[in-house]
Amino acid sequence: MRDTRVRRGVRATTAAVTGLAAVAALAAVAVLGDQWAQSWTGAEQRAVAAGTRTVGVQPADVTLVCPPPVALPKGADVGDSQFDATPVPTTSRLGAVVLGGAEEGVRTTGLDGRSADPLAVGDAGAAQQADVTGTRVLRATPVADEPFRAAGTTASVTTQGDLRGLGAGSCAAPSTSLWLVGGGTEVGQTATLTVQNPSERPATVALDVYGPNGPVALGGSGTFTVAPHDQVTTRLESAAPEQDRLAVNVRASGARVTAALQTQAIDGLLPAGVDLLTPGATPRESFAVGAVLSRGEAVDDPHAPRLRVLVPGETDGTARVTVYGPSGPVVLRGADEVDLPAGVVTDVPLGGLPEGAYTVVVDADVPVVGAARSDQPGAQPDDSVVDGTPYDVAWSAGQPVAVTGAAGAAGQLGVPGGVRTGVVLSALPAERGPDTDPTGGVPVTLRVYDASGAEIGSTDVDLTAGATASVALASVVDDGTVPAGVSVDRGDAKGGDVAVAWAAVLRADDGTGSAGTLVASVAPTAAVTTPGAVDVRAVDAG
């Protein structure tokens, strides 16, 4: 067992200091900061230093809660058996990977911590692929002061019926504020919100829902309690009906929670797409959306990709939308300056893009949240009694834009079985003005892992600033082994500061002979480093 995988802490020392001089010095640091403290005399500095000790701490377990599998809302499967809403079963799978954590105790469980299923541990890390029927939780322990990389993805595939589609979402860490952007509640659409509490304490949850006309009044359904190790499901088409555009803020007190939004739609009798939305970036002035897919649709095509943006504050704003594709930046007419009324969910059409995979960046003068949607047409089975073209949808959540010139981990992703997976990578320049010509780039290394925790392939990609590159995981694996996880590491930037943004595209077949007609986009999980020590200052206030 390697030392870097099993270290659990660092040396711990304890100390305390008393005296009014130390109290005054510490108060000055808190109020005025380090710059002013540099003017202290040597005696004053020694007094503060004497009261500060580094204390070793044990990294706490990390918990990532996965979205529940796609399921038909209760009461929706009624009517003539010839038009059964669920003529075929839904297959749901989980893919999980943990890199750089302690080997002991890495597992998936139910929300209650039971039904533990250990991950397989290999030379490169730990991984798992499994069929799932309910919510699963990924649990692992970081190693102090080392990069910790954990990720999971739940994917559900249904080839026929109202749930026809591929719905996929990444496992997320609990939080007190979560933003989910996408879906709607007009006739023919459902939006099922699930809030999960993996902790030992009850959580009081409040929902803020926004639509095309501003905030939506929810009444009593906007506040509820989620018991420990439990989850609560809310039908938004009942709580917030007739909203063709949605954004939801889940706020929690008492305990941290996670949330997922299942969106589903039918067009008459035709399936119109299903997906699992998981939280994206919190409000900020810049975010990126990866793996936005265009089939070359016309500007006015209702199935062209679209960007969704919300200003959750009270001040109107404007935003600039920059689109990067395989050949570099693409001019999007009308997106050089987009008006964003406060509290209003705004859709920006992305029609007119050449066929390909894109990364879209939003730069606003106020904090915003957002996501993007792509549509994929399919075909009806030969024995279908309904004519027309079914569609599936892929929602891509907004991600933070971390601009840097230094090398480092750029995220990881769990890969479920039963799907074909590719990644769309881009190097985003720090300067994104309409008259800016991106230069430079950054090299990245993509590594693929199987369900035993072994690395089964890697490839280096030189990303050009302002352009996207697509890599199929099958092309990285030599022997056809099924991937269970993927990680991306960036090298030093080649000229200027850049941000590396990427997302995965999952595809499955619908059994009609048309390949890849079921689609989903999933954002990666960021790597974190847990400190193995904290600075402690003890004072005598008396």
Protein backbone atom coordinates (compact mmCIF):
# COMPACT_ATOMS: atom_id res chain seq x y z
CA MET A 1 0.00 0.00 0.00
CA ARG A 2 1.59 3.26 -1.08
CA ASP A 3 2.47 5.85 1.59
CA THR A 4 0.77 8.66 -0.31
CA ARG A 5 -2.51 6.74 -0.19
CA VAL A 6 -2.61 5.98 3.51
CA ARG A 7 -1.23 9.05 5.31
CA ARG A 8 -4.01 10.34 7.52
CA GLY A 9 -2.54 13.38 9.26
CA VAL A 10 0.47 15.37 10.33
CA ARG A 11 2.18 16.10 13.65
CA ALA A 12 -0.06 17.83 16.14
CA THR A 13 1.05 20.27 18.82
CA THR A 14 -0.98 22.37 21.20
CA ALA A 15 -0.26 25.55 23.05
CA ALA A 16 -1.97 28.47 24.66
CA VAL A 17 -0.90 32.01 25.46
CA THR A 18 -2.38 34.55 27.81
CA GLY A 19 -1.98 38.28 28.22
CA LEU A 20 -3.54 41.51 27.15
CA ALA A 21 -0.70 42.31 24.72
CA ALA A 22 -1.45 39.17 22.66
CA VAL A 23 -5.16 39.92 22.73
CA ALA A 24 -4.59 43.43 21.38
CA ALA A 25 -2.21 42.18 18.71
CA LEU A 26 -4.62 39.51 17.50
CA ALA A 27 -7.46 42.01 17.41
CA ALA A 28 -5.34 44.31 15.26
CA VAL A 29 -4.69 41.49 12.77
CA ALA A 30 -8.40 40.72 12.56
CA VAL A 31 -9.42 44.33 12.03
CA LEU A 32 -6.57 45.91 10.08
CA GLY A 33 -4.86 43.00 8.38
CA ASP A 34 -1.30 41.81 7.80
CA GLN A 35 -0.10 44.91 5.97
CA TRP A 36 -0.54 47.12 9.04
CA ALA A 37 0.88 44.39 11.30
CA GLN A 38 4.19 44.55 9.42
CA SER A 39 4.87 47.88 11.18
CA TRP A 40 4.82 46.30 14.62
CA THR A 41 7.96 46.15 16.74
CA GLY A 42 9.82 42.88 17.06
CA ALA A 43 8.44 42.37 20.56
CA GLU A 44 4.86 42.77 19.35
CA GLN A 45 5.38 40.32 16.49
CA ARG A 46 6.93 37.76 18.82
CA ALA A 47 3.90 38.08 21.13
CA VAL A 48 1.54 37.14 18.28
CA ALA A 49 3.81 34.36 17.05
CA ALA A 50 3.98 32.90 20.54
CA GLY A 51 0.21 32.59 20.57
CA THR A 52 -0.07 30.76 17.24
CA ARG A 53 0.43 27.06 16.88
CA THR A 54 -0.11 24.67 13.98
CA VAL A 55 -2.40 21.81 14.98
CA GLY A 56 -2.72 18.66 12.91
CA VAL A 57 -6.24 17.67 11.89
CA GLN A 58 -7.71 14.51 10.43
CA PRO A 59 -9.37 15.13 7.04
CA ALA A 60 -13.08 14.50 7.27
CA ASP A 61 -14.87 12.10 4.96
CA VAL A 62 -16.08 13.60 1.69
CA THR A 63 -19.68 12.89 0.71
CA LEU A 64 -20.97 13.23 -2.86
CA VAL A 65 -24.69 12.58 -3.32
CA CYS A 66 -25.76 11.26 -6.71
CA PRO A 67 -29.02 12.23 -8.41
CA PRO A 68 -31.80 9.64 -8.25
CA PRO A 69 -32.40 7.60 -11.43
CA VAL A 70 -34.94 8.84 -13.94
CA ALA A 71 -38.48 7.70 -13.11
CA LEU A 72 -41.95 8.53 -14.37
CA PRO A 73 -43.73 10.89 -11.96
CA LYS A 74 -46.38 9.15 -9.88
CA GLY A 75 -49.78 9.13 -11.56
CA ALA A 76 -48.40 9.83 -15.04
CA ASP A 77 -48.66 6.26 -16.40
CA VAL A 78 -52.39 6.07 -17.17
CA GLY A 79 -54.55 5.56 -20.27
CA ASP A 80 -54.78 3.15 -23.19
CA SER A 81 -52.18 0.36 -23.05
CA GLN A 82 -51.51 0.94 -26.76
CA PHE A 83 -50.00 4.27 -25.72
CA ASP A 84 -48.28 3.00 -22.58
CA ALA A 85 -46.05 5.72 -21.11
CA THR A 86 -43.48 3.11 -20.06
CA PRO A 87 -43.48 0.30 -22.67
CA VAL A 88 -39.85 -0.59 -21.82
CA PRO A 89 -37.92 -0.48 -18.54
CA THR A 90 -35.40 2.21 -17.66
CA THR A 91 -31.82 1.06 -17.10
CA SER A 92 -29.84 3.16 -14.59
CA ARG A 93 -26.14 2.87 -13.85
CA LEU A 94 -23.57 4.61 -11.68
CA GLY A 95 -19.93 5.27 -12.53
CA ALA A 96 -17.59 6.50 -9.77
CA VAL A 97 -13.87 7.17 -9.46
CA VAL A 98 -11.68 8.30 -6.53
CA LEU A 99 -8.07 9.36 -7.08
CA GLY A 100 -5.62 10.41 -4.35
CA GLY A 101 -7.79 9.37 -1.40
CA ALA A 102 -7.20 6.91 1.41
CA GLU A 103 -7.83 3.34 0.27
CA GLU A 104 -9.79 2.34 3.36
CA GLY A 105 -13.52 2.89 3.42
CA VAL A 106 -14.08 4.23 -0.09
CA ARG A 107 -17.60 3.09 -0.96
CA THR A 108 -21.06 3.94 -2.17
CA THR A 109 -24.07 3.67 0.13
CA GLY A 110 -27.71 4.62 0.35
CA LEU A 111 -28.71 7.96 1.87
CA ASP A 112 -28.90 6.26 5.26
CA GLY A 113 -25.30 5.07 5.02
CA ARG A 114 -26.36 1.46 4.65
CA SER A 115 -26.14 -0.96 1.72
CA ALA A 116 -22.43 -0.22 1.42
CA ASP A 117 -20.73 -1.28 -1.81
CA PRO A 118 -16.92 -0.87 -1.67
CA LEU A 119 -15.12 0.53 -4.69
CA ALA A 120 -12.47 -1.64 -6.32
CA VAL A 121 -8.97 -0.37 -5.52
CA GLY A 122 -6.29 -0.50 -8.21
CA ASP A 123 -2.86 0.94 -8.84
CA ALA A 124 -4.24 4.30 -10.00
CA GLY A 125 -7.20 4.76 -7.66
CA ALA A 126 -10.59 3.34 -6.77
CA ALA A 127 -13.56 2.94 -9.12
CA GLN A 128 -16.99 1.39 -9.48
CA GLN A 129 -19.65 0.72 -12.09
CA ALA A 130 -22.98 -0.65 -10.88
CA ASP A 131 -26.67 -0.83 -11.68
CA VAL A 132 -28.71 1.40 -9.37
CA THR A 133 -32.38 1.67 -8.46
CA GLY A 134 -32.25 4.61 -6.04
CA THR A 135 -30.09 7.42 -4.69
CA ARG A 136 -26.47 6.48 -4.02
CA VAL A 137 -23.85 8.36 -2.01
CA LEU A 138 -20.10 8.26 -2.74
CA ARG A 139 -18.02 8.37 0.45
CA ALA A 140 -14.23 8.62 0.67
CA THR A 141 -11.47 10.12 2.86
CA PRO A 142 -8.91 12.58 1.46
CA VAL A 143 -5.21 12.39 2.25
CA ALA A 144 -4.03 15.56 3.96
CA ASP A 145 -2.28 18.15 1.79
CA GLU A 146 -2.64 16.11 -1.40
CA PRO A 147 -5.02 16.58 -4.35
CA PHE A 148 -8.22 14.64 -3.78
CA ARG A 149 -10.26 13.74 -6.84
CA ALA A 150 -13.65 12.08 -6.47
CA ALA A 151 -16.55 12.02 -8.92
CA GLY A 152 -19.63 10.03 -9.75
CA THR A 153 -22.31 10.08 -12.45
CA THR A 154 -25.75 8.52 -12.56
CA ALA A 155 -27.16 7.81 -16.04
CA SER A 156 -30.60 6.44 -16.99
CA VAL A 157 -31.42 5.13 -20.47
CA THR A 158 -34.98 4.57 -21.73
CA THR A 159 -35.38 3.64 -25.40
CA GLN A 160 -39.17 4.13 -25.81
CA GLY A 161 -42.15 5.81 -24.19
CA ASP A 162 -42.56 9.13 -22.44
CA LEU A 163 -39.19 8.73 -20.70
CA ARG A 164 -37.33 8.06 -23.96
CA GLY A 165 -33.92 9.61 -23.54
CA LEU A 166 -30.62 9.58 -21.69
CA GLY A 167 -30.72 11.46 -18.41
CA ALA A 168 -27.40 11.89 -16.61
CA GLY A 169 -26.09 14.01 -13.75
CA SER A 170 -22.97 14.20 -11.63
CA CYS A 171 -22.82 13.49 -7.90
CA ALA A 172 -22.52 16.68 -5.85
CA ALA A 173 -21.26 17.81 -2.46
CA PRO A 174 -23.92 19.05 -0.02
CA SER A 175 -24.29 22.82 0.29
CA THR A 176 -26.52 25.49 1.81
CA SER A 177 -27.29 27.09 -1.58
CA LEU A 178 -27.71 25.27 -4.89
CA TRP A 179 -28.67 26.57 -8.34
CA LEU A 180 -30.38 24.45 -11.00
CA VAL A 181 -31.11 26.04 -14.38
CA GLY A 182 -33.22 24.36 -17.05
CA GLY A 183 -36.51 22.73 -17.87
CA GLY A 184 -40.04 24.10 -17.74
CA THR A 185 -43.57 23.42 -16.52
CA GLU A 186 -45.79 24.25 -19.49
CA VAL A 187 -48.37 21.71 -20.65
CA GLY A 188 -46.50 18.57 -21.69
CA GLN A 189 -43.50 19.34 -19.45
CA THR A 190 -42.68 18.03 -16.00
CA ALA A 191 -39.99 19.21 -13.60
CA THR A 192 -39.43 16.99 -10.57
CA LEU A 193 -37.14 18.43 -7.90
CA THR A 194 -35.53 16.06 -5.39
CA VAL A 195 -33.77 17.52 -2.33
CA GLN A 196 -31.54 15.10 -0.40
CA ASN A 197 -30.19 15.34 3.14
CA PRO A 198 -27.28 12.94 3.81
CA SER A 199 -26.49 14.40 7.26
CA GLU A 200 -27.44 13.51 10.82
CA ARG A 201 -29.53 16.68 11.31
CA PRO A 202 -32.82 17.82 9.76
CA ALA A 203 -32.62 20.54 7.12
CA THR A 204 -35.09 23.36 6.60
CA VAL A 205 -35.30 24.06 2.86
CA ALA A 206 -36.63 27.13 1.05
CA LEU A 207 -37.11 27.26 -2.73
CA ASP A 208 -36.79 30.32 -4.94
CA VAL A 209 -38.18 29.65 -8.42
CA TYR A 210 -37.72 32.05 -11.33
CA GLY A 211 -39.51 32.07 -14.66
CA PRO A 212 -39.80 34.21 -17.80
CA ASN A 213 -41.82 36.83 -15.90
CA GLY A 214 -39.67 36.95 -12.77
CA PRO A 215 -39.85 35.24 -9.36
CA VAL A 216 -42.71 32.75 -8.97
CA ALA A 217 -44.87 32.72 -5.84
CA LEU A 218 -44.85 29.19 -4.40
CA GLY A 219 -46.98 29.58 -1.30
CA GLY A 220 -46.63 26.85 1.28
CA SER A 221 -44.89 24.47 -1.12
CA GLY A 222 -41.80 26.68 -1.14
CA THR A 223 -40.64 25.69 2.37
CA PHE A 224 -40.29 22.21 3.86
CA THR A 225 -38.15 20.05 6.10
CA VAL A 226 -35.96 17.18 4.94
CA ALA A 227 -35.32 14.61 7.66
CA PRO A 228 -31.82 13.20 8.21
CA HIS A 229 -30.81 10.60 5.60
CA ASP A 230 -33.97 11.30 3.63
CA GLN A 231 -35.14 13.09 0.49
CA VAL A 232 -38.21 15.13 -0.50
CA THR A 233 -39.63 15.33 -4.02
CA THR A 234 -41.57 18.36 -5.31
CA ARG A 235 -43.52 18.51 -8.58
CA LEU A 236 -42.72 22.01 -9.85
CA GLU A 237 -45.46 21.83 -12.48
CA SER A 238 -47.87 21.86 -9.53
CA ALA A 239 -46.01 24.42 -7.42
CA ALA A 240 -45.01 26.71 -10.32
CA PRO A 241 -47.17 25.89 -13.36
CA GLU A 242 -47.04 27.36 -16.88
CA GLN A 243 -43.39 28.39 -16.83
CA ASP A 244 -41.63 27.68 -20.12
CA ARG A 245 -38.26 28.61 -18.61
CA LEU A 246 -37.08 27.67 -15.11
CA ALA A 247 -34.27 28.40 -12.69
CA VAL A 248 -34.37 27.14 -9.09
CA ASN A 249 -32.40 28.15 -6.01
CA VAL A 250 -32.45 25.60 -3.17
CA ARG A 251 -31.52 27.18 0.17
CA ALA A 252 -30.98 25.11 3.31
CA SER A 253 -30.42 25.78 7.00
CA GLY A 254 -29.71 23.34 9.80
CA ALA A 255 -27.87 20.96 7.47
CA ARG A 256 -26.38 20.95 4.01
CA VAL A 257 -28.33 19.32 1.21
CA THR A 258 -28.03 18.33 -2.42
CA ALA A 259 -30.63 18.59 -5.18
CA ALA A 260 -31.41 17.30 -8.66
CA LEU A 261 -34.07 18.29 -11.17
CA GLN A 262 -35.54 15.71 -13.56
CA THR A 263 -36.96 17.37 -16.67
CA GLN A 264 -39.23 15.53 -19.08
CA ALA A 265 -41.41 16.63 -21.98
CA ILE A 266 -43.79 15.20 -24.56
CA ASP A 267 -45.01 16.88 -27.75
CA GLY A 268 -48.51 15.49 -28.19
CA LEU A 269 -47.72 11.75 -28.18
CA LEU A 270 -44.05 12.20 -29.14
CA PRO A 271 -41.27 12.00 -26.54
CA ALA A 272 -39.53 15.37 -26.37
CA GLY A 273 -36.58 14.62 -24.13
CA VAL A 274 -35.54 13.81 -20.57
CA ASP A 275 -32.53 14.82 -18.49
CA LEU A 276 -31.16 15.03 -14.95
CA LEU A 277 -30.04 18.54 -13.97
CA THR A 278 -27.54 18.91 -11.14
CA PRO A 279 -26.26 22.13 -9.54
CA GLY A 280 -24.07 24.46 -11.57
CA ALA A 281 -21.93 27.44 -10.64
CA THR A 282 -23.26 29.81 -7.99
CA PRO A 283 -23.95 33.44 -9.02
CA ARG A 284 -20.84 35.08 -10.49
CA GLU A 285 -19.97 37.52 -13.23
CA SER A 286 -18.44 34.90 -15.56
CA PHE A 287 -19.27 31.27 -16.22
CA ALA A 288 -18.64 28.74 -18.97
CA VAL A 289 -20.92 26.05 -20.40
CA GLY A 290 -19.16 23.08 -22.00
CA ALA A 291 -20.31 20.46 -24.50
CA VAL A 292 -22.96 22.57 -26.23
CA LEU A 293 -23.89 20.57 -29.35
CA SER A 294 -24.96 22.01 -32.70
CA ARG A 295 -26.16 20.03 -35.71
CA GLY A 296 -25.93 23.09 -37.91
CA GLU A 297 -29.51 24.20 -37.23
CA ALA A 298 -30.81 27.43 -38.72
CA VAL A 299 -31.07 30.56 -36.60
CA ASP A 300 -34.85 30.21 -36.24
CA ASP A 301 -34.92 26.44 -35.70
CA PRO A 302 -36.77 25.73 -32.42
CA HIS A 303 -34.42 22.78 -31.84
CA ALA A 304 -31.24 24.83 -32.18
CA PRO A 305 -29.11 25.02 -29.01
CA ARG A 306 -29.92 27.81 -26.60
CA LEU A 307 -28.33 29.50 -23.61
CA ARG A 308 -30.32 30.22 -20.44
CA VAL A 309 -29.25 33.01 -18.07
CA LEU A 310 -30.68 34.50 -14.87
CA VAL A 311 -29.72 37.56 -12.80
CA PRO A 312 -30.86 36.45 -9.33
CA GLY A 313 -30.29 39.87 -7.73
CA GLU A 314 -32.34 43.05 -7.92
CA THR A 315 -30.20 44.97 -10.42
CA ASP A 316 -30.61 44.62 -14.18
CA GLY A 317 -27.48 43.73 -16.11
CA THR A 318 -25.98 43.09 -19.50
CA ALA A 319 -23.85 40.20 -20.66
CA ARG A 320 -21.53 39.35 -23.50
CA VAL A 321 -21.76 35.82 -24.90
CA THR A 322 -18.63 34.36 -26.49
CA VAL A 323 -18.81 31.08 -28.41
CA TYR A 324 -15.74 28.90 -29.01
CA GLY A 325 -15.83 26.02 -31.48
CA PRO A 326 -13.52 23.56 -33.24
CA SER A 327 -12.19 26.32 -35.52
CA GLY A 328 -11.97 29.05 -32.88
CA PRO A 329 -14.28 31.90 -31.83
CA VAL A 330 -17.61 32.16 -33.64
CA VAL A 331 -19.42 35.46 -34.06
CA LEU A 332 -22.94 35.13 -32.70
CA ARG A 333 -25.07 37.97 -34.00
CA GLY A 334 -27.10 39.70 -31.32
CA ALA A 335 -25.05 38.19 -28.47
CA ASP A 336 -22.41 40.90 -28.27
CA GLU A 337 -24.61 42.57 -25.64
CA VAL A 338 -27.59 40.76 -24.09
CA ASP A 339 -29.96 42.62 -21.77
CA LEU A 340 -30.70 40.71 -18.56
CA PRO A 341 -33.64 41.97 -16.50
CA ALA A 342 -33.24 41.12 -12.83
CA GLY A 343 -35.13 38.00 -11.72
CA VAL A 344 -36.17 37.07 -15.27
CA VAL A 345 -35.04 33.81 -16.90
CA THR A 346 -33.71 34.76 -20.34
CA ASP A 347 -33.03 32.40 -23.26
CA VAL A 348 -30.42 33.33 -25.87
CA PRO A 349 -30.78 31.39 -29.18
CA LEU A 350 -27.57 29.79 -30.46
CA GLY A 351 -28.87 28.81 -33.89
CA GLY A 352 -26.71 29.31 -36.96
CA LEU A 353 -23.62 27.58 -35.56
CA PRO A 354 -21.85 25.10 -37.83
CA GLU A 355 -22.10 21.47 -36.77
CA GLY A 356 -19.82 20.67 -33.85
CA ALA A 357 -19.26 20.87 -30.10
CA TYR A 358 -18.89 24.28 -28.47
CA THR A 359 -18.00 26.01 -25.21
CA VAL A 360 -20.02 29.14 -24.41
CA VAL A 361 -18.74 31.82 -22.01
CA VAL A 362 -20.93 34.46 -20.39
CA ASP A 363 -19.34 37.65 -19.04
CA ALA A 364 -21.81 39.92 -17.22
CA ASP A 365 -21.65 43.12 -15.19
CA VAL A 366 -23.74 41.54 -12.41
CA PRO A 367 -23.67 38.04 -10.85
CA VAL A 368 -25.52 35.51 -13.01
CA VAL A 369 -26.25 31.77 -13.24
CA GLY A 370 -26.94 29.75 -16.35
CA ALA A 371 -26.92 26.61 -18.47
CA ALA A 372 -27.35 25.59 -22.11
CA ARG A 373 -29.58 23.11 -23.91
CA SER A 374 -28.93 20.95 -26.98
CA ASP A 375 -31.54 18.84 -28.83
CA GLN A 376 -30.97 15.53 -30.61
CA PRO A 377 -33.52 14.08 -33.09
CA GLY A 378 -34.24 10.36 -33.22
CA ALA A 379 -36.48 7.89 -35.03
CA GLN A 380 -39.64 5.98 -34.18
CA PRO A 381 -39.60 2.16 -33.91
CA ASP A 382 -40.91 0.30 -36.97
CA ASP A 383 -44.00 -0.85 -35.06
CA SER A 384 -44.84 2.59 -33.69
CA VAL A 385 -48.45 3.76 -34.07
CA VAL A 386 -47.32 7.41 -33.81
CA ASP A 387 -45.75 9.43 -36.62
CA GLY A 388 -43.20 12.18 -36.14
CA THR A 389 -39.67 12.76 -34.83
CA PRO A 390 -38.88 12.19 -31.16
CA TYR A 391 -36.17 14.31 -29.52
CA ASP A 392 -33.84 13.98 -26.60
CA VAL A 393 -32.30 16.94 -24.75
CA ALA A 394 -28.96 17.57 -23.04
CA TRP A 395 -28.67 20.34 -20.44
CA SER A 396 -25.12 21.58 -19.71
CA ALA A 397 -24.65 23.39 -16.39
CA GLY A 398 -22.58 26.56 -16.05
CA GLN A 399 -19.11 26.14 -14.56
CA PRO A 400 -16.71 28.63 -12.90
CA VAL A 401 -14.01 30.10 -15.14
CA ALA A 402 -10.69 29.65 -13.31
CA VAL A 403 -8.08 31.61 -15.30
CA THR A 404 -4.48 30.73 -14.54
CA GLY A 405 -1.20 30.09 -16.28
CA ALA A 406 -0.08 27.27 -13.97
CA ALA A 407 -0.30 23.52 -14.28
CA GLY A 408 -2.70 21.52 -12.13
CA ALA A 409 -5.68 19.20 -11.91
CA ALA A 410 -8.57 20.27 -14.15
CA GLY A 411 -11.29 17.97 -12.84
CA GLN A 412 -12.53 14.39 -13.05
CA LEU A 413 -15.70 12.54 -13.97
CA GLY A 414 -17.29 9.17 -13.24
CA VAL A 415 -18.38 7.25 -16.35
CA PRO A 416 -21.43 4.94 -16.14
CA GLY A 417 -21.58 1.74 -18.14
CA GLY A 418 -23.84 1.31 -21.13
CA VAL A 419 -23.00 4.66 -22.75
CA ARG A 420 -20.39 5.98 -25.18
CA THR A 421 -18.49 8.91 -23.72
CA GLY A 422 -16.45 11.71 -25.22
CA VAL A 423 -15.08 14.92 -23.75
CA VAL A 424 -15.12 18.44 -25.18
CA LEU A 425 -12.14 20.50 -24.01
CA SER A 426 -11.34 24.17 -24.50
CA ALA A 427 -8.74 26.74 -23.51
CA LEU A 428 -10.49 29.98 -22.62
CA PRO A 429 -8.41 33.17 -22.90
CA ALA A 430 -8.50 35.70 -20.08
CA GLU A 431 -9.37 38.47 -22.54
CA ARG A 432 -12.63 37.70 -24.31
CA GLY A 433 -13.63 40.98 -25.90
CA PRO A 434 -15.24 40.99 -29.36
CA ASP A 435 -12.12 42.53 -30.89
CA THR A 436 -9.68 40.20 -29.10
CA ASP A 437 -7.86 37.57 -31.14
CA PRO A 438 -6.92 34.68 -28.77
CA THR A 439 -3.29 33.56 -28.82
CA GLY A 440 -1.34 30.81 -27.11
CA GLY A 441 -2.82 27.70 -25.58
CA VAL A 442 -2.25 25.00 -23.01
CA PRO A 443 -1.41 21.26 -23.08
CA VAL A 444 -3.67 18.85 -21.19
CA THR A 445 -3.40 15.17 -20.33
CA LEU A 446 -6.50 13.02 -20.34
CA ARG A 447 -6.40 9.76 -18.36
CA VAL A 448 -8.98 6.96 -18.42
CA TYR A 449 -9.66 4.42 -15.64
CA ASP A 450 -11.58 1.15 -15.57
CA ALA A 451 -13.86 -0.28 -12.89
CA SER A 452 -10.92 -1.98 -11.15
CA GLY A 453 -9.20 1.35 -10.43
CA ALA A 454 -6.49 0.83 -13.07
CA GLU A 455 -5.40 3.43 -15.60
CA ILE A 456 -6.21 1.98 -19.02
CA GLY A 457 -5.11 4.77 -21.32
CA SER A 458 -4.00 8.37 -21.62
CA THR A 459 -3.49 10.97 -24.29
CA ASP A 460 -1.98 14.46 -24.52
CA VAL A 461 -3.91 17.23 -26.25
CA ASP A 462 -2.57 20.68 -27.13
CA LEU A 463 -5.45 23.09 -26.75
CA THR A 464 -5.44 26.27 -28.78
CA ALA A 465 -6.75 29.32 -26.95
CA GLY A 466 -10.29 30.08 -28.07
CA ALA A 467 -10.99 26.68 -29.64
CA THR A 468 -12.52 23.34 -28.64
CA ALA A 469 -11.18 19.81 -29.09
CA SER A 470 -13.22 16.60 -28.83
CA VAL A 471 -11.83 13.25 -27.68
CA ALA A 472 -13.75 9.95 -27.61
CA LEU A 473 -12.70 7.83 -24.61
CA ALA A 474 -12.87 4.72 -26.80
CA SER A 475 -10.00 6.15 -28.87
CA VAL A 476 -7.83 6.41 -25.74
CA VAL A 477 -8.38 2.81 -24.60
CA ASP A 478 -6.44 0.23 -26.63
CA ASP A 479 -8.14 -3.04 -25.64
CA GLY A 480 -11.79 -1.98 -25.63
CA THR A 481 -12.09 -1.95 -21.82
CA VAL A 482 -15.13 -0.02 -20.62
CA PRO A 483 -14.11 3.29 -18.97
CA ALA A 484 -15.37 3.99 -15.45
CA GLY A 485 -13.69 7.36 -14.93
CA VAL A 486 -11.70 10.09 -16.63
CA SER A 487 -9.46 12.87 -15.34
CA VAL A 488 -7.90 15.92 -16.99
CA ASP A 489 -4.67 17.65 -15.94
CA ARG A 490 -3.43 20.87 -17.48
CA GLY A 491 0.15 21.90 -18.15
CA ASP A 492 1.61 25.39 -18.05
CA ALA A 493 -0.06 27.87 -20.38
CA LYS A 494 1.74 28.68 -23.60
CA GLY A 495 1.43 32.43 -23.77
CA GLY A 496 -0.88 34.32 -21.43
CA ASP A 497 -3.34 33.12 -18.83
CA VAL A 498 -6.05 30.67 -19.87
CA ALA A 499 -8.80 28.63 -18.25
CA VAL A 500 -9.34 24.98 -19.12
CA ALA A 501 -13.03 24.12 -19.38
CA TRP A 502 -14.42 20.73 -20.32
CA ALA A 503 -17.48 18.54 -20.11
CA ALA A 504 -18.48 15.05 -21.19
CA VAL A 505 -21.00 14.03 -23.84
CA LEU A 506 -22.76 10.71 -23.14
CA ARG A 507 -24.57 8.90 -25.95
CA ALA A 508 -26.72 5.78 -26.21
CA ASP A 509 -28.79 4.14 -28.95
CA ASP A 510 -32.59 3.93 -28.95
CA GLY A 511 -32.80 0.52 -30.67
CA THR A 512 -34.08 1.86 -33.99
CA GLY A 513 -30.83 1.59 -35.97
CA SER A 514 -30.05 5.29 -35.59
CA ALA A 515 -26.86 5.54 -33.53
CA GLY A 516 -26.33 8.00 -30.69
CA THR A 517 -29.83 9.50 -30.67
CA LEU A 518 -29.98 9.57 -26.86
CA VAL A 519 -27.66 12.21 -25.40
CA ALA A 520 -26.63 13.93 -22.16
CA SER A 521 -23.92 16.40 -21.11
CA VAL A 522 -22.20 16.19 -17.72
CA ALA A 523 -19.83 18.68 -16.12
CA PRO A 524 -16.74 17.43 -14.25
CA THR A 525 -16.11 17.65 -10.51
CA ALA A 526 -13.24 19.86 -9.35
CA ALA A 527 -10.24 18.47 -7.47
CA VAL A 528 -9.69 19.73 -3.91
CA THR A 529 -6.83 19.71 -1.42
CA THR A 530 -7.65 19.25 2.26
CA PRO A 531 -5.13 20.89 4.64
CA GLY A 532 -3.62 18.63 7.27
CA ALA A 533 -3.20 21.40 9.82
CA VAL A 534 -4.83 24.59 11.04
CA ASP A 535 -3.44 27.65 12.84
CA VAL A 536 -4.81 28.03 16.36
CA ARG A 537 -4.50 31.11 18.56
CA ALA A 538 -5.58 30.94 22.20
CA VAL A 539 -5.90 34.12 24.26
CA ASP A 540 -7.03 35.14 27.72
CA ALA A 541 -9.74 37.74 27.27
CA GLY A 542 -9.67 38.50 30.97
